[in-house]
Amino acid sequence: MMAEVAMATGFMLVLIGLYGALTNRNILRIIVSFTLATTGVNLVMVAVGYMHGRTAPILDEAVPAAEAVARIIDPLPQALVLTAIVIGLGVTTLMLAYAYKLHESKGSLDITKFTELKW
């Protein structure tokens, strides 16, 4: 039940983030929307990797190695989410640095004001 709630919440975050990124004109709001969508994707990946009734992927006396395959959760989705969180933090930092430089040079964060590259 909790995996379905987490997956539905993740999809809602992705949809809200994409809607915000496509409808806002302020660069900071677009960055926050992308971060929200990334968080939703991470939540969906964790929910997909969860299997009811299984335990953490730690081998000790409680889980003998012979029956570990049937009793533990696959750690790969969790490792991918940890990697995605770190990459997402770097991408968000880079976007914020670009937004700062744009505001410093142009004096605005409204994307309609940046028309130098339009045809």
C-alpha atoms as a PDB file:
ATOM      1  CA  MET A   1       0.000   0.000   0.000  1.00  0.00           C
ATOM      2  CA  MET A   2       2.771   2.447   0.883  1.00  0.00           C
ATOM      3  CA  ALA A   3       4.592   1.767  -2.384  1.00  0.00           C
ATOM      4  CA  GLU A   4       1.486   2.750  -4.353  1.00  0.00           C
ATOM      5  CA  VAL A   5       1.101   5.962  -2.349  1.00  0.00           C
ATOM      6  CA  ALA A   6       4.775   6.803  -2.868  1.00  0.00           C
ATOM      7  CA  MET A   7       4.495   6.079  -6.589  1.00  0.00           C
ATOM      8  CA  ALA A   8       1.356   8.209  -6.974  1.00  0.00           C
ATOM      9  CA  THR A   9       2.992  11.038  -5.020  1.00  0.00           C
ATOM     10  CA  GLY A  10       6.086  10.770  -7.202  1.00  0.00           C
ATOM     11  CA  PHE A  11       4.062  10.972 -10.406  1.00  0.00           C
ATOM     12  CA  MET A  12       2.155  13.968  -9.044  1.00  0.00           C
ATOM     13  CA  LEU A  13       5.438  15.719  -8.216  1.00  0.00           C
ATOM     14  CA  VAL A  14       6.713  15.037 -11.729  1.00  0.00           C
ATOM     15  CA  LEU A  15       3.547  16.446 -13.281  1.00  0.00           C
ATOM     16  CA  ILE A  16       3.531  19.519 -11.032  1.00  0.00           C
ATOM     17  CA  GLY A  17       7.216  20.109 -11.775  1.00  0.00           C
ATOM     18  CA  LEU A  18       6.766  19.824 -15.525  1.00  0.00           C
ATOM     19  CA  TYR A  19       3.721  22.090 -15.453  1.00  0.00           C
ATOM     20  CA  GLY A  20       5.661  24.686 -13.449  1.00  0.00           C
ATOM     21  CA  ALA A  21       8.662  24.495 -15.759  1.00  0.00           C
ATOM     22  CA  LEU A  22       6.514  24.976 -18.854  1.00  0.00           C
ATOM     23  CA  THR A  23       4.252  27.763 -17.570  1.00  0.00           C
ATOM     24  CA  ASN A  24       6.573  30.011 -15.549  1.00  0.00           C
ATOM     25  CA  ARG A  25       8.655  32.814 -16.997  1.00  0.00           C
ATOM     26  CA  ASN A  26      10.846  33.412 -13.956  1.00  0.00           C
ATOM     27  CA  ILE A  27      14.078  31.421 -14.159  1.00  0.00           C
ATOM     28  CA  LEU A  28      14.180  30.703 -10.412  1.00  0.00           C
ATOM     29  CA  ARG A  29      10.672  29.237 -10.517  1.00  0.00           C
ATOM     30  CA  ILE A  30      11.676  27.100 -13.491  1.00  0.00           C
ATOM     31  CA  ILE A  31      14.691  25.799 -11.552  1.00  0.00           C
ATOM     32  CA  VAL A  32      12.498  24.955  -8.549  1.00  0.00           C
ATOM     33  CA  SER A  33      10.045  23.195 -10.870  1.00  0.00           C
ATOM     34  CA  PHE A  34      12.803  21.070 -12.411  1.00  0.00           C
ATOM     35  CA  THR A  35      14.039  20.179  -8.922  1.00  0.00           C
ATOM     36  CA  LEU A  36      10.497  19.183  -7.926  1.00  0.00           C
ATOM     37  CA  ALA A  37      10.201  16.946 -10.996  1.00  0.00           C
ATOM     38  CA  THR A  38      13.576  15.349 -10.214  1.00  0.00           C
ATOM     39  CA  THR A  39      12.435  14.621  -6.668  1.00  0.00           C
ATOM     40  CA  GLY A  40       9.319  12.969  -8.061  1.00  0.00           C
ATOM     41  CA  VAL A  41      11.373  10.758 -10.358  1.00  0.00           C
ATOM     42  CA  ASN A  42      13.568   9.725  -7.423  1.00  0.00           C
ATOM     43  CA  LEU A  43      10.483   8.881  -5.358  1.00  0.00           C
ATOM     44  CA  VAL A  44       9.045   6.758  -8.171  1.00  0.00           C
ATOM     45  CA  MET A  45      12.344   4.891  -8.544  1.00  0.00           C
ATOM     46  CA  VAL A  46      12.424   4.083  -4.816  1.00  0.00           C
ATOM     47  CA  ALA A  47       8.774   2.954  -4.927  1.00  0.00           C
ATOM     48  CA  VAL A  48       9.469   0.675  -7.896  1.00  0.00           C
ATOM     49  CA  GLY A  49      12.370  -0.961  -6.043  1.00  0.00           C
ATOM     50  CA  TYR A  50      10.310  -1.717  -2.908  1.00  0.00           C
ATOM     51  CA  MET A  51       8.968  -5.239  -2.445  1.00  0.00           C
ATOM     52  CA  HIS A  52       6.509  -5.970   0.373  1.00  0.00           C
ATOM     53  CA  GLY A  53       7.657  -8.413   3.021  1.00  0.00           C
ATOM     54  CA  ARG A  54      11.336  -8.232   2.217  1.00  0.00           C
ATOM     55  CA  THR A  55      14.152  -6.846   4.330  1.00  0.00           C
ATOM     56  CA  ALA A  56      17.118  -4.542   3.789  1.00  0.00           C
ATOM     57  CA  PRO A  57      20.005  -5.937   1.697  1.00  0.00           C
ATOM     58  CA  ILE A  58      22.271  -6.659   4.669  1.00  0.00           C
ATOM     59  CA  LEU A  59      23.607 -10.179   5.061  1.00  0.00           C
ATOM     60  CA  ASP A  60      24.064 -11.283   8.669  1.00  0.00           C
ATOM     61  CA  GLU A  61      22.903 -14.091  10.973  1.00  0.00           C
ATOM     62  CA  ALA A  62      19.245 -13.057  10.562  1.00  0.00           C
ATOM     63  CA  VAL A  63      19.314 -13.700   6.800  1.00  0.00           C
ATOM     64  CA  PRO A  64      21.360 -16.743   5.799  1.00  0.00           C
ATOM     65  CA  ALA A  65      23.119 -16.459   2.441  1.00  0.00           C
ATOM     66  CA  ALA A  66      21.216 -19.425   1.009  1.00  0.00           C
ATOM     67  CA  GLU A  67      17.824 -17.742   1.298  1.00  0.00           C
ATOM     68  CA  ALA A  68      18.994 -14.157   0.849  1.00  0.00           C
ATOM     69  CA  VAL A  69      17.743 -13.932  -2.740  1.00  0.00           C
ATOM     70  CA  ALA A  70      14.179 -14.597  -1.667  1.00  0.00           C
ATOM     71  CA  ARG A  71      14.220 -12.356   1.425  1.00  0.00           C
ATOM     72  CA  ILE A  72      16.084  -9.145   0.577  1.00  0.00           C
ATOM     73  CA  ILE A  73      15.260  -6.119  -1.556  1.00  0.00           C
ATOM     74  CA  ASP A  74      17.349  -5.374  -4.643  1.00  0.00           C
ATOM     75  CA  PRO A  75      19.723  -2.521  -3.653  1.00  0.00           C
ATOM     76  CA  LEU A  76      20.245  -1.307  -7.239  1.00  0.00           C
ATOM     77  CA  PRO A  77      17.280   1.154  -7.357  1.00  0.00           C
ATOM     78  CA  GLN A  78      18.387   2.670  -4.060  1.00  0.00           C
ATOM     79  CA  ALA A  79      21.943   3.099  -5.337  1.00  0.00           C
ATOM     80  CA  LEU A  80      20.650   4.692  -8.549  1.00  0.00           C
ATOM     81  CA  VAL A  81      18.524   7.135  -6.545  1.00  0.00           C
ATOM     82  CA  LEU A  82      21.497   8.109  -4.371  1.00  0.00           C
ATOM     83  CA  THR A  83      23.507   8.781  -7.518  1.00  0.00           C
ATOM     84  CA  ALA A  84      20.607  10.725  -9.060  1.00  0.00           C
ATOM     85  CA  ILE A  85      20.318  12.889  -5.929  1.00  0.00           C
ATOM     86  CA  VAL A  86      23.986  13.862  -6.130  1.00  0.00           C
ATOM     87  CA  ILE A  87      23.790  14.571  -9.870  1.00  0.00           C
ATOM     88  CA  GLY A  88      20.561  16.542  -9.372  1.00  0.00           C
ATOM     89  CA  LEU A  89      22.235  18.671  -6.726  1.00  0.00           C
ATOM     90  CA  GLY A  90      25.085  19.473  -9.109  1.00  0.00           C
ATOM     91  CA  VAL A  91      22.723  20.320 -11.966  1.00  0.00           C
ATOM     92  CA  THR A  92      20.602  22.542  -9.694  1.00  0.00           C
ATOM     93  CA  THR A  93      23.723  24.335  -8.485  1.00  0.00           C
ATOM     94  CA  LEU A  94      24.834  24.920 -12.070  1.00  0.00           C
ATOM     95  CA  MET A  95      21.399  26.260 -13.058  1.00  0.00           C
ATOM     96  CA  LEU A  96      21.401  28.614 -10.067  1.00  0.00           C
ATOM     97  CA  ALA A  97      24.888  29.853 -10.984  1.00  0.00           C
ATOM     98  CA  TYR A  98      23.698  30.571 -14.544  1.00  0.00           C
ATOM     99  CA  ALA A  99      20.627  32.365 -13.190  1.00  0.00           C
ATOM    100  CA  TYR A 100      22.826  34.486 -10.936  1.00  0.00           C
ATOM    101  CA  LYS A 101      25.096  35.438 -13.833  1.00  0.00           C
ATOM    102  CA  LEU A 102      22.098  36.255 -16.046  1.00  0.00           C
ATOM    103  CA  HIS A 103      20.643  38.488 -13.363  1.00  0.00           C
ATOM    104  CA  GLU A 104      24.036  40.099 -12.821  1.00  0.00           C
ATOM    105  CA  SER A 105      24.540  40.863 -16.515  1.00  0.00           C
ATOM    106  CA  LYS A 106      20.954  41.595 -17.680  1.00  0.00           C
ATOM    107  CA  GLY A 107      19.259  42.730 -14.460  1.00  0.00           C
ATOM    108  CA  SER A 108      16.275  40.411 -14.894  1.00  0.00           C
ATOM    109  CA  LEU A 109      15.257  36.783 -14.461  1.00  0.00           C
ATOM    110  CA  ASP A 110      12.294  36.943 -16.869  1.00  0.00           C
ATOM    111  CA  ILE A 111      12.990  34.650 -19.835  1.00  0.00           C
ATOM    112  CA  THR A 112      11.003  36.865 -22.201  1.00  0.00           C
ATOM    113  CA  LYS A 113      13.649  39.577 -21.766  1.00  0.00           C
ATOM    114  CA  PHE A 114      16.416  37.403 -23.219  1.00  0.00           C
ATOM    115  CA  THR A 115      15.810  37.690 -26.978  1.00  0.00           C
ATOM    116  CA  GLU A 116      19.381  37.845 -28.311  1.00  0.00           C
ATOM    117  CA  LEU A 117      19.287  34.264 -29.624  1.00  0.00           C
ATOM    118  CA  LYS A 118      15.816  34.413 -31.197  1.00  0.00           C
ATOM    119  CA  TRP A 119      15.605  34.282 -34.991  1.00  0.00           C
END
